[in-house]
Amino acid sequence: FTVATLPLIFSTLPQVDAELLGQRSAFVGLYLGRLIADLPAGHAVTMFGHSHGCRTVSSALHVLGGGQVQGYVLADRPKHKRRMRAIFAAAAIDHHWLNPDQRYGRAIDVAEMIINLRNHRDTVLRIYPLRHPLSNKALANIGFTRADRVMMGQRSDRVIEFDVSGVVGSGHGWPHYYARPEIARTVAEHVYFLPTGS
């Protein structure tokens, strides 16, 4: 699955738009979680999120792990364990939201691996902390901090980061990522699942 930014404009204030898009993207994660839960048990899933699509992917993983999103939980959550991975590009989520007891704190419980493509030069995400007072920086800009990894404990082993700042530059849009063969080569081995025992 590839989940990209929802193409909607709500106001003339970018920081307000970012907050509204974020809320909607998180809610869509409930539907994505339901879709994944209804897939046949043996099927592995890799999700690729871009910008607010990373919030949708995080939300889906969180509800699949038994978490709650905007007051909702996933009904009839599957009991079987499914192999799932996620790749984040230009992630428009707070860097600490995957930590235990945070907004999507159960995502790493069910994800086999989460790849974050970090880009400290992304100019669009520089306004991300302006969404509201005390907002944190975006995961895409600063990555998982040392404090985040300490909070994750052993689960931090499931998080891998690649710095793509030199390849993507100041760009934020999805074409800046999917059109770059260097990025494709970097993530390819993490997209596909080898048979167990290989």
Foldseek 3Di string as FASTA:
>chain_A
DEAEFDPDDDDPDLLQRLVVSLLVLLVVLLVVLQVVQPPPQADAEEYEYAASPVNSLLSSLLLLLVHARPRDHHPPRDPHQHAYEYEYALYLDAQQQCFCPHVSVRNLVRYQAYEYAAALQAPSQVCSQVNDPPRHGGCNNPNRDPVSDVRNDPSCVRYHYDYCNVQLPRHRDPCSQPVDVVNCVVCVVVRDDDPPPD
